[in-house]
PDB file of N, CA and C in Angstrom:
ATOM      1  N   UNK A   1      42.473  29.473  12.263  1.00  0.00           N
ATOM      2  CA  UNK A   1      41.642  28.027  11.935  1.00  0.00           C
ATOM      3  C   UNK A   1      43.183  27.519  11.469  1.00  0.00           C
ATOM      4  N   UNK A   2      42.713  26.469  10.942  1.00  0.00           N
ATOM      5  CA  UNK A   2      43.946  25.626  10.827  1.00  0.00           C
ATOM      6  C   UNK A   2      44.619  25.761   8.951  1.00  0.00           C
ATOM      7  N   UNK A   3      43.833  26.299   8.495  1.00  0.00           N
ATOM      8  CA  UNK A   3      43.752  26.188   6.873  1.00  0.00           C
ATOM      9  C   UNK A   3      44.376  28.287   6.767  1.00  0.00           C
ATOM     10  N   UNK A   4      44.956  28.452   7.895  1.00  0.00           N
ATOM     11  CA  UNK A   4      45.186  29.963   7.635  1.00  0.00           C
ATOM     12  C   UNK A   4      46.048  29.986   6.289  1.00  0.00           C
ATOM     13  N   UNK A   5      47.415  29.692   5.856  1.00  0.00           N
ATOM     14  CA  UNK A   5      48.221  29.540   4.860  1.00  0.00           C
ATOM     15  C   UNK A   5      47.375  29.363   4.015  1.00  0.00           C
ATOM     16  N   UNK A   6      46.361  28.660   3.275  1.00  0.00           N
ATOM     17  CA  UNK A   6      45.585  28.285   2.297  1.00  0.00           C
ATOM     18  C   UNK A   6      44.802  29.393   2.091  1.00  0.00           C
ATOM     19  N   UNK A   7      44.142  30.029   3.083  1.00  0.00           N
ATOM     20  CA  UNK A   7      43.597  31.132   3.184  1.00  0.00           C
ATOM     21  C   UNK A   7      43.727  32.358   2.545  1.00  0.00           C
ATOM     22  N   UNK A   8      45.415  32.601   3.173  1.00  0.00           N
ATOM     23  CA  UNK A   8      45.891  33.954   2.937  1.00  0.00           C
ATOM     24  C   UNK A   8      46.442  33.672   1.534  1.00  0.00           C
ATOM     25  N   UNK A   9      46.876  32.569   1.277  1.00  0.00           N
ATOM     26  CA  UNK A   9      46.705  32.234  -0.436  1.00  0.00           C
ATOM     27  C   UNK A   9      45.897  32.630  -1.585  1.00  0.00           C
ATOM     28  N   UNK A  10      44.938  32.434  -1.109  1.00  0.00           N
ATOM     29  CA  UNK A  10      43.770  32.831  -1.775  1.00  0.00           C
ATOM     30  C   UNK A  10      43.391  33.996  -2.049  1.00  0.00           C
ATOM     31  N   UNK A  11      43.536  34.522  -0.531  1.00  0.00           N
ATOM     32  CA  UNK A  11      43.475  36.091  -0.713  1.00  0.00           C
ATOM     33  C   UNK A  11      44.321  36.641  -1.464  1.00  0.00           C
ATOM     34  N   UNK A  12      45.444  36.791  -1.524  1.00  0.00           N
ATOM     35  CA  UNK A  12      46.538  36.695  -2.345  1.00  0.00           C
ATOM     36  C   UNK A  12      46.121  36.807  -3.461  1.00  0.00           C
ATOM     37  N   UNK A  13      45.770  35.668  -4.070  1.00  0.00           N
ATOM     38  CA  UNK A  13      45.715  35.380  -5.223  1.00  0.00           C
ATOM     39  C   UNK A  13      44.607  36.107  -5.827  1.00  0.00           C
ATOM     40  N   UNK A  14      43.380  36.516  -5.245  1.00  0.00           N
ATOM     41  CA  UNK A  14      42.395  37.431  -5.336  1.00  0.00           C
ATOM     42  C   UNK A  14      42.583  39.067  -5.528  1.00  0.00           C
ATOM     43  N   UNK A  15      43.502  39.271  -4.704  1.00  0.00           N
ATOM     44  CA  UNK A  15      43.779  40.678  -5.018  1.00  0.00           C
ATOM     45  C   UNK A  15      44.695  40.638  -6.295  1.00  0.00           C
ATOM     46  N   UNK A  16      45.867  40.214  -6.303  1.00  0.00           N
ATOM     47  CA  UNK A  16      46.603  39.919  -7.223  1.00  0.00           C
ATOM     48  C   UNK A  16      45.779  40.174  -8.799  1.00  0.00           C
ATOM     49  N   UNK A  17      44.473  39.228  -8.621  1.00  0.00           N
ATOM     50  CA  UNK A  17      43.861  39.130 -10.111  1.00  0.00           C
ATOM     51  C   UNK A  17      43.141  40.509 -10.206  1.00  0.00           C
ATOM     52  N   UNK A  18      42.713  40.769  -9.134  1.00  0.00           N
ATOM     53  CA  UNK A  18      41.677  42.242  -9.289  1.00  0.00           C
ATOM     54  C   UNK A  18      42.394  43.215  -9.653  1.00  0.00           C
ATOM     55  N   UNK A  19      43.669  43.510  -9.144  1.00  0.00           N
ATOM     56  CA  UNK A  19      44.573  44.271  -9.844  1.00  0.00           C
ATOM     57  C   UNK A  19      45.316  43.903 -11.184  1.00  0.00           C
ATOM     58  N   UNK A  20      45.225  43.182 -11.930  1.00  0.00           N
ATOM     59  CA  UNK A  20      45.308  42.517 -12.918  1.00  0.00           C
ATOM     60  C   UNK A  20      44.070  43.006 -13.974  1.00  0.00           C
ATOM     61  N   UNK A  21      43.154  42.988 -13.670  1.00  0.00           N
ATOM     62  CA  UNK A  21      41.984  43.176 -14.189  1.00  0.00           C
ATOM     63  C   UNK A  21      41.626  44.392 -14.303  1.00  0.00           C
ATOM     64  N   UNK A  22      41.922  45.708 -13.270  1.00  0.00           N
ATOM     65  CA  UNK A  22      42.019  46.801 -13.377  1.00  0.00           C
ATOM     66  C   UNK A  22      43.012  47.253 -14.537  1.00  0.00           C
ATOM     67  N   UNK A  23      44.048  46.833 -14.952  1.00  0.00           N
ATOM     68  CA  UNK A  23      44.989  47.462 -15.437  1.00  0.00           C
ATOM     69  C   UNK A  23      44.472  48.308 -16.718  1.00  0.00           C
ATOM     70  N   UNK A  24      45.368  49.566 -16.482  1.00  0.00           N
ATOM     71  CA  UNK A  24      44.614  50.556 -17.860  1.00  0.00           C
ATOM     72  C   UNK A  24      45.172  49.656 -19.105  1.00  0.00           C
ATOM     73  N   UNK A  25      46.341  49.683 -19.244  1.00  0.00           N
ATOM     74  CA  UNK A  25      46.988  49.168 -20.490  1.00  0.00           C
ATOM     75  C   UNK A  25      47.708  48.188 -20.768  1.00  0.00           C
ATOM     76  N   UNK A  26      48.272  47.318 -21.508  1.00  0.00           N
ATOM     77  CA  UNK A  26      49.195  46.896 -21.456  1.00  0.00           C
ATOM     78  C   UNK A  26      50.730  47.289 -21.952  1.00  0.00           C
ATOM     79  N   UNK A  27      51.946  47.306 -20.770  1.00  0.00           N
ATOM     80  CA  UNK A  27      52.615  47.829 -21.676  1.00  0.00           C
ATOM     81  C   UNK A  27      53.505  47.469 -23.138  1.00  0.00           C
ATOM     82  N   UNK A  28      54.259  48.386 -23.046  1.00  0.00           N
ATOM     83  CA  UNK A  28      54.543  48.610 -24.612  1.00  0.00           C
ATOM     84  C   UNK A  28      55.402  47.654 -24.980  1.00  0.00           C
ATOM     85  N   UNK A  29      55.211  46.459 -26.372  1.00  0.00           N
ATOM     86  CA  UNK A  29      56.161  45.400 -26.212  1.00  0.00           C
ATOM     87  C   UNK A  29      56.873  45.458 -27.282  1.00  0.00           C
ATOM     88  N   UNK A  30      56.408  46.768 -28.230  1.00  0.00           N
ATOM     89  CA  UNK A  30      57.807  46.893 -29.717  1.00  0.00           C
ATOM     90  C   UNK A  30      59.014  46.910 -28.868  1.00  0.00           C
ATOM     91  N   UNK A  31      59.167  47.859 -28.122  1.00  0.00           N
ATOM     92  CA  UNK A  31      60.856  48.000 -27.910  1.00  0.00           C
ATOM     93  C   UNK A  31      61.470  47.162 -27.504  1.00  0.00           C
ATOM     94  N   UNK A  32      60.773  46.234 -26.980  1.00  0.00           N
ATOM     95  CA  UNK A  32      61.743  44.333 -26.347  1.00  0.00           C
ATOM     96  C   UNK A  32      61.473  43.408 -27.513  1.00  0.00           C
ATOM     97  N   UNK A  33      60.511  43.576 -28.692  1.00  0.00           N
ATOM     98  CA  UNK A  33      60.427  42.795 -29.828  1.00  0.00           C
ATOM     99  C   UNK A  33      61.785  42.991 -30.747  1.00  0.00           C
ATOM    100  N   UNK A  34      62.423  41.800 -30.849  1.00  0.00           N
ATOM    101  CA  UNK A  34      63.741  42.026 -31.470  1.00  0.00           C
ATOM    102  C   UNK A  34      63.562  42.146 -32.856  1.00  0.00           C
ATOM    103  N   UNK A  35      64.428  42.567 -33.655  1.00  0.00           N
ATOM    104  CA  UNK A  35      64.155  42.396 -35.234  1.00  0.00           C
ATOM    105  C   UNK A  35      64.935  41.788 -35.898  1.00  0.00           C
ATOM    106  N   UNK A  36      64.285  40.936 -36.245  1.00  0.00           N
ATOM    107  CA  UNK A  36      64.810  39.632 -37.425  1.00  0.00           C
ATOM    108  C   UNK A  36      64.544  39.763 -38.526  1.00  0.00           C
ATOM    109  N   UNK A  37      65.348  39.553 -39.696  1.00  0.00           N
ATOM    110  CA  UNK A  37      65.121  39.566 -41.117  1.00  0.00           C
ATOM    111  C   UNK A  37      63.793  38.040 -41.375  1.00  0.00           C
ATOM    112  N   UNK A  38      64.321  37.467 -40.963  1.00  0.00           N
ATOM    113  CA  UNK A  38      63.025  36.432 -41.532  1.00  0.00           C
ATOM    114  C   UNK A  38      61.722  36.269 -40.439  1.00  0.00           C
ATOM    115  N   UNK A  39      60.862  35.735 -40.759  1.00  0.00           N
ATOM    116  CA  UNK A  39      59.499  35.701 -40.300  1.00  0.00           C
ATOM    117  C   UNK A  39      59.988  34.234 -39.629  1.00  0.00           C
ATOM    118  N   UNK A  40      59.607  34.700 -38.253  1.00  0.00           N
ATOM    119  CA  UNK A  40      59.579  32.957 -37.216  1.00  0.00           C
ATOM    120  C   UNK A  40      58.253  33.043 -36.855  1.00  0.00           C
ATOM    121  N   UNK A  41      58.481  31.347 -36.306  1.00  0.00           N
ATOM    122  CA  UNK A  41      57.014  31.458 -35.759  1.00  0.00           C
ATOM    123  C   UNK A  41      56.728  31.595 -34.196  1.00  0.00           C
ATOM    124  N   UNK A  42      55.693  32.638 -34.201  1.00  0.00           N
ATOM    125  CA  UNK A  42      55.237  32.988 -32.525  1.00  0.00           C
ATOM    126  C   UNK A  42      55.569  32.061 -31.333  1.00  0.00           C
ATOM    127  N   UNK A  43      55.027  30.598 -31.636  1.00  0.00           N
ATOM    128  CA  UNK A  43      54.191  29.226 -30.698  1.00  0.00           C
ATOM    129  C   UNK A  43      54.461  28.321 -31.678  1.00  0.00           C
ATOM    130  N   UNK A  44      55.090  27.083 -31.319  1.00  0.00           N
ATOM    131  CA  UNK A  44      55.157  25.573 -31.771  1.00  0.00           C
ATOM    132  C   UNK A  44      53.564  25.048 -31.636  1.00  0.00           C
ATOM    133  N   UNK A  45      53.187  25.373 -30.213  1.00  0.00           N
ATOM    134  CA  UNK A  45      51.516  25.058 -29.983  1.00  0.00           C
ATOM    135  C   UNK A  45      50.824  26.000 -29.595  1.00  0.00           C
ATOM    136  N   UNK A  46      50.283  27.099 -30.032  1.00  0.00           N
ATOM    137  CA  UNK A  46      49.500  27.968 -29.537  1.00  0.00           C
ATOM    138  C   UNK A  46      48.298  27.760 -28.539  1.00  0.00           C
ATOM    139  N   UNK A  47      48.492  28.311 -27.726  1.00  0.00           N
ATOM    140  CA  UNK A  47      47.058  27.536 -26.698  1.00  0.00           C
ATOM    141  C   UNK A  47      46.283  28.848 -26.806  1.00  0.00           C
ATOM    142  N   UNK A  48      46.186  29.811 -27.201  1.00  0.00           N
ATOM    143  CA  UNK A  48      44.937  30.876 -27.546  1.00  0.00           C
ATOM    144  C   UNK A  48      45.189  32.132 -26.582  1.00  0.00           C
ATOM    145  N   UNK A  49      46.310  31.968 -25.441  1.00  0.00           N
ATOM    146  CA  UNK A  49      45.965  32.739 -24.599  1.00  0.00           C
ATOM    147  C   UNK A  49      46.282  34.417 -25.261  1.00  0.00           C
ATOM    148  N   UNK A  50      47.410  33.969 -25.936  1.00  0.00           N
ATOM    149  CA  UNK A  50      47.917  35.307 -26.272  1.00  0.00           C
ATOM    150  C   UNK A  50      46.893  36.288 -26.967  1.00  0.00           C
ATOM    151  N   UNK A  51      45.251  35.872 -27.602  1.00  0.00           N
ATOM    152  CA  UNK A  51      44.609  36.368 -28.230  1.00  0.00           C
ATOM    153  C   UNK A  51      43.570  36.906 -27.507  1.00  0.00           C
ATOM    154  N   UNK A  52      43.663  36.794 -26.017  1.00  0.00           N
ATOM    155  CA  UNK A  52      42.805  37.099 -25.025  1.00  0.00           C
ATOM    156  C   UNK A  52      42.980  38.584 -24.817  1.00  0.00           C
ATOM    157  N   UNK A  53      42.337  39.409 -24.045  1.00  0.00           N
ATOM    158  CA  UNK A  53      42.669  40.982 -23.637  1.00  0.00           C
ATOM    159  C   UNK A  53      43.708  40.756 -22.390  1.00  0.00           C
ATOM    160  N   UNK A  54      45.013  41.532 -22.635  1.00  0.00           N
ATOM    161  CA  UNK A  54      46.042  41.478 -21.646  1.00  0.00           C
ATOM    162  C   UNK A  54      45.424  41.152 -20.102  1.00  0.00           C
ATOM    163  N   UNK A  55      44.197  41.989 -19.647  1.00  0.00           N
ATOM    164  CA  UNK A  55      44.084  41.680 -18.121  1.00  0.00           C
ATOM    165  C   UNK A  55      43.633  40.089 -18.156  1.00  0.00           C
ATOM    166  N   UNK A  56      43.040  39.387 -19.221  1.00  0.00           N
ATOM    167  CA  UNK A  56      42.697  38.240 -18.624  1.00  0.00           C
ATOM    168  C   UNK A  56      43.966  37.332 -19.265  1.00  0.00           C
ATOM    169  N   UNK A  57      44.912  37.740 -19.795  1.00  0.00           N
ATOM    170  CA  UNK A  57      46.112  36.985 -19.794  1.00  0.00           C
ATOM    171  C   UNK A  57      46.575  36.840 -18.530  1.00  0.00           C
ATOM    172  N   UNK A  58      46.560  38.468 -17.931  1.00  0.00           N
ATOM    173  CA  UNK A  58      47.407  38.012 -16.783  1.00  0.00           C
ATOM    174  C   UNK A  58      46.551  37.058 -15.754  1.00  0.00           C
ATOM    175  N   UNK A  59      45.400  36.970 -15.746  1.00  0.00           N
ATOM    176  CA  UNK A  59      44.480  36.589 -14.838  1.00  0.00           C
ATOM    177  C   UNK A  59      44.584  34.777 -15.028  1.00  0.00           C
ATOM    178  N   UNK A  60      45.054  34.694 -16.408  1.00  0.00           N
ATOM    179  CA  UNK A  60      45.275  33.363 -16.433  1.00  0.00           C
ATOM    180  C   UNK A  60      46.694  32.472 -16.006  1.00  0.00           C
ATOM    181  N   UNK A  61      47.852  33.649 -16.201  1.00  0.00           N
ATOM    182  CA  UNK A  61      49.035  33.045 -15.651  1.00  0.00           C
ATOM    183  C   UNK A  61      48.593  33.426 -14.008  1.00  0.00           C
ATOM    184  N   UNK A  62      48.268  34.005 -13.570  1.00  0.00           N
ATOM    185  CA  UNK A  62      48.224  33.911 -12.154  1.00  0.00           C
ATOM    186  C   UNK A  62      47.377  32.928 -11.214  1.00  0.00           C
ATOM    187  N   UNK A  63      46.397  32.520 -11.981  1.00  0.00           N
ATOM    188  CA  UNK A  63      45.626  31.393 -11.646  1.00  0.00           C
ATOM    189  C   UNK A  63      46.307  30.285 -11.739  1.00  0.00           C
ATOM    190  N   UNK A  64      47.257  29.877 -12.785  1.00  0.00           N
ATOM    191  CA  UNK A  64      47.695  28.859 -13.213  1.00  0.00           C
ATOM    192  C   UNK A  64      48.846  28.838 -11.753  1.00  0.00           C
ATOM    193  N   UNK A  65      49.549  29.816 -11.253  1.00  0.00           N
ATOM    194  CA  UNK A  65      50.435  29.725 -10.659  1.00  0.00           C
ATOM    195  C   UNK A  65      49.769  29.341  -9.075  1.00  0.00           C
ATOM    196  N   UNK A  66      48.519  30.104  -8.905  1.00  0.00           N
ATOM    197  CA  UNK A  66      48.111  29.708  -7.843  1.00  0.00           C
ATOM    198  C   UNK A  66      47.583  28.174  -7.926  1.00  0.00           C
ATOM    199  N   UNK A  67      47.126  27.957  -8.652  1.00  0.00           N
ATOM    200  CA  UNK A  67      46.834  26.099  -9.019  1.00  0.00           C
ATOM    201  C   UNK A  67      48.003  25.577  -8.730  1.00  0.00           C
ATOM    202  N   UNK A  68      49.730  26.039  -8.877  1.00  0.00           N
ATOM    203  CA  UNK A  68      50.244  24.942  -8.559  1.00  0.00           C
ATOM    204  C   UNK A  68      50.792  25.278  -7.164  1.00  0.00           C
ATOM    205  N   UNK A  69      51.020  26.258  -6.807  1.00  0.00           N
ATOM    206  CA  UNK A  69      50.981  26.648  -5.532  1.00  0.00           C
ATOM    207  C   UNK A  69      50.209  25.792  -4.650  1.00  0.00           C
ATOM    208  N   UNK A  70      48.974  25.674  -4.676  1.00  0.00           N
ATOM    209  CA  UNK A  70      47.851  24.939  -3.799  1.00  0.00           C
ATOM    210  C   UNK A  70      48.476  23.432  -4.152  1.00  0.00           C
ATOM    211  N   UNK A  71      48.355  22.744  -5.043  1.00  0.00           N
ATOM    212  CA  UNK A  71      48.922  21.447  -5.543  1.00  0.00           C
ATOM    213  C   UNK A  71      50.046  21.354  -4.502  1.00  0.00           C
ATOM    214  N   UNK A  72      51.221  22.116  -4.555  1.00  0.00           N
ATOM    215  CA  UNK A  72      52.506  21.784  -4.060  1.00  0.00           C
ATOM    216  C   UNK A  72      52.196  21.617  -2.623  1.00  0.00           C
ATOM    217  N   UNK A  73      51.520  22.849  -2.265  1.00  0.00           N
ATOM    218  CA  UNK A  73      50.835  22.872  -0.701  1.00  0.00           C
ATOM    219  C   UNK A  73      50.098  21.697   0.054  1.00  0.00           C
ATOM    220  N   UNK A  74      49.113  21.356  -0.960  1.00  0.00           N
ATOM    221  CA  UNK A  74      48.169  19.924  -0.343  1.00  0.00           C
ATOM    222  C   UNK A  74      48.892  18.713  -0.414  1.00  0.00           C
ATOM    223  N   UNK A  75      50.010  18.912  -1.808  1.00  0.00           N
ATOM    224  CA  UNK A  75      51.023  17.243  -1.480  1.00  0.00           C
ATOM    225  C   UNK A  75      51.843  17.499  -0.305  1.00  0.00           C
ATOM    226  N   UNK A  76      52.823  18.422  -0.193  1.00  0.00           N
ATOM    227  CA  UNK A  76      53.280  18.649   0.931  1.00  0.00           C
ATOM    228  C   UNK A  76      52.674  18.033   2.513  1.00  0.00           C
ATOM    229  N   UNK A  77      51.615  18.737   2.500  1.00  0.00           N
ATOM    230  CA  UNK A  77      50.731  18.659   3.887  1.00  0.00           C
ATOM    231  C   UNK A  77      50.416  16.588   3.770  1.00  0.00           C
ATOM    232  N   UNK A  78      49.438  16.493   2.671  1.00  0.00           N
ATOM    233  CA  UNK A  78      49.379  14.915   2.477  1.00  0.00           C
ATOM    234  C   UNK A  78      50.968  13.964   3.032  1.00  0.00           C
ATOM    235  N   UNK A  79      51.609  14.585   2.058  1.00  0.00           N
ATOM    236  CA  UNK A  79      53.050  13.533   2.727  1.00  0.00           C
ATOM    237  C   UNK A  79      53.320  13.638   4.110  1.00  0.00           C
ATOM    238  N   UNK A  80      53.039  14.940   5.099  1.00  0.00           N
ATOM    239  CA  UNK A  80      53.646  14.892   6.395  1.00  0.00           C
ATOM    240  C   UNK A  80      52.309  14.084   6.640  1.00  0.00           C
ATOM    241  N   UNK A  81      51.360  13.901   6.743  1.00  0.00           N
ATOM    242  CA  UNK A  81      50.308  13.662   7.712  1.00  0.00           C
ATOM    243  C   UNK A  81      50.225  12.044   7.279  1.00  0.00           C
ATOM    244  N   UNK A  82      50.603  11.590   6.438  1.00  0.00           N
ATOM    245  CA  UNK A  82      50.909  10.369   6.029  1.00  0.00           C
ATOM    246  C   UNK A  82      52.263   9.936   6.877  1.00  0.00           C
ATOM    247  N   UNK A  83      53.070  10.237   6.754  1.00  0.00           N
ATOM    248  CA  UNK A  83      54.523   9.975   7.424  1.00  0.00           C
ATOM    249  C   UNK A  83      54.679  10.115   9.009  1.00  0.00           C
ATOM    250  N   UNK A  84      53.350  10.949   9.437  1.00  0.00           N
ATOM    251  CA  UNK A  84      53.335  10.664  10.455  1.00  0.00           C
ATOM    252  C   UNK A  84      52.677   9.744  11.256  1.00  0.00           C
ATOM    253  N   UNK A  85      51.390   8.974  10.483  1.00  0.00           N
ATOM    254  CA  UNK A  85      50.359   7.991  10.920  1.00  0.00           C
ATOM    255  C   UNK A  85      51.110   6.780  10.369  1.00  0.00           C
ATOM    256  N   UNK A  86      51.930   6.572   9.675  1.00  0.00           N
ATOM    257  CA  UNK A  86      52.737   5.243   9.311  1.00  0.00           C
ATOM    258  C   UNK A  86      54.079   5.185   9.597  1.00  0.00           C
ATOM    259  N   UNK A  87      54.345   4.625  10.726  1.00  0.00           N
ATOM    260  CA  UNK A  87      55.962   4.184  11.180  1.00  0.00           C
ATOM    261  C   UNK A  87      56.629   3.408  10.464  1.00  0.00           C
ATOM    262  N   UNK A  88      58.041   3.785   9.358  1.00  0.00           N
ATOM    263  CA  UNK A  88      58.213   3.202   8.204  1.00  0.00           C
ATOM    264  C   UNK A  88      60.213   3.775   8.333  1.00  0.00           C
ATOM    265  N   UNK A  89      60.713   2.965   8.443  1.00  0.00           N
ATOM    266  CA  UNK A  89      62.494   3.668   8.036  1.00  0.00           C
ATOM    267  C   UNK A  89      62.321   3.809   6.766  1.00  0.00           C
ATOM    268  N   UNK A  90      61.282   3.345   5.685  1.00  0.00           N
ATOM    269  CA  UNK A  90      61.514   4.059   4.521  1.00  0.00           C
ATOM    270  C   UNK A  90      61.196   5.834   4.534  1.00  0.00           C
ATOM    271  N   UNK A  91      60.336   5.932   5.324  1.00  0.00           N
ATOM    272  CA  UNK A  91      60.439   7.462   5.474  1.00  0.00           C
ATOM    273  C   UNK A  91      61.691   8.155   6.117  1.00  0.00           C
ATOM    274  N   UNK A  92      62.344   7.773   6.317  1.00  0.00           N
ATOM    275  CA  UNK A  92      63.780   8.427   7.030  1.00  0.00           C
ATOM    276  C   UNK A  92      64.834   8.339   5.618  1.00  0.00           C
ATOM    277  N   UNK A  93      64.968   6.974   5.224  1.00  0.00           N
ATOM    278  CA  UNK A  93      65.253   6.676   4.110  1.00  0.00           C
ATOM    279  C   UNK A  93      65.228   7.111   2.543  1.00  0.00           C
ATOM    280  N   UNK A  94      63.912   7.807   2.512  1.00  0.00           N
ATOM    281  CA  UNK A  94      63.609   8.626   1.479  1.00  0.00           C
ATOM    282  C   UNK A  94      64.501  10.165   1.658  1.00  0.00           C
ATOM    283  N   UNK A  95      63.934  10.420   2.913  1.00  0.00           N
ATOM    284  CA  UNK A  95      64.051  12.008   3.380  1.00  0.00           C
ATOM    285  C   UNK A  95      65.878  12.087   3.227  1.00  0.00           C
ATOM    286  N   UNK A  96      66.298  11.281   3.775  1.00  0.00           N
ATOM    287  CA  UNK A  96      68.166  11.229   3.598  1.00  0.00           C
ATOM    288  C   UNK A  96      68.112  11.384   2.163  1.00  0.00           C
ATOM    289  N   UNK A  97      67.832  10.355   0.872  1.00  0.00           N
ATOM    290  CA  UNK A  97      68.370  10.609  -0.215  1.00  0.00           C
ATOM    291  C   UNK A  97      67.671  11.362  -1.093  1.00  0.00           C
ATOM    292  N   UNK A  98      66.510  11.568  -0.683  1.00  0.00           N
ATOM    293  CA  UNK A  98      65.718  12.733  -1.787  1.00  0.00           C
ATOM    294  C   UNK A  98      66.590  13.942  -2.036  1.00  0.00           C
ATOM    295  N   UNK A  99      66.812  14.568  -0.648  1.00  0.00           N
ATOM    296  CA  UNK A  99      67.389  15.857  -0.634  1.00  0.00           C
ATOM    297  C   UNK A  99      69.173  15.709  -1.686  1.00  0.00           C
ATOM    298  N   UNK A 100      69.623  14.404  -1.167  1.00  0.00           N
ATOM    299  CA  UNK A 100      71.203  14.326  -1.885  1.00  0.00           C
ATOM    300  C   UNK A 100      71.111  14.788  -3.297  1.00  0.00           C
TER     301      UNK A 100
END
């Protein structure tokens, strides 16, 4: 089909999310936590995600990156389709100087 890349990305995301939700327990973060003498804030603007179960946190991250990947793919595809449909010297100029 024409959308094979999008379908493959959705299948991959679903597989990773399923694996994240079946994780037995979160890795130990006690060793990675630095030891400071003063109490520092954990977040400037906490989103509340850190209060969720670990598997759900993984699902949020995977979903966010899947959304970013989908948006990037769709915007690139839209750009290419418009570029093919509309002939203009500006497209060549844009592509030449946008990569510089």
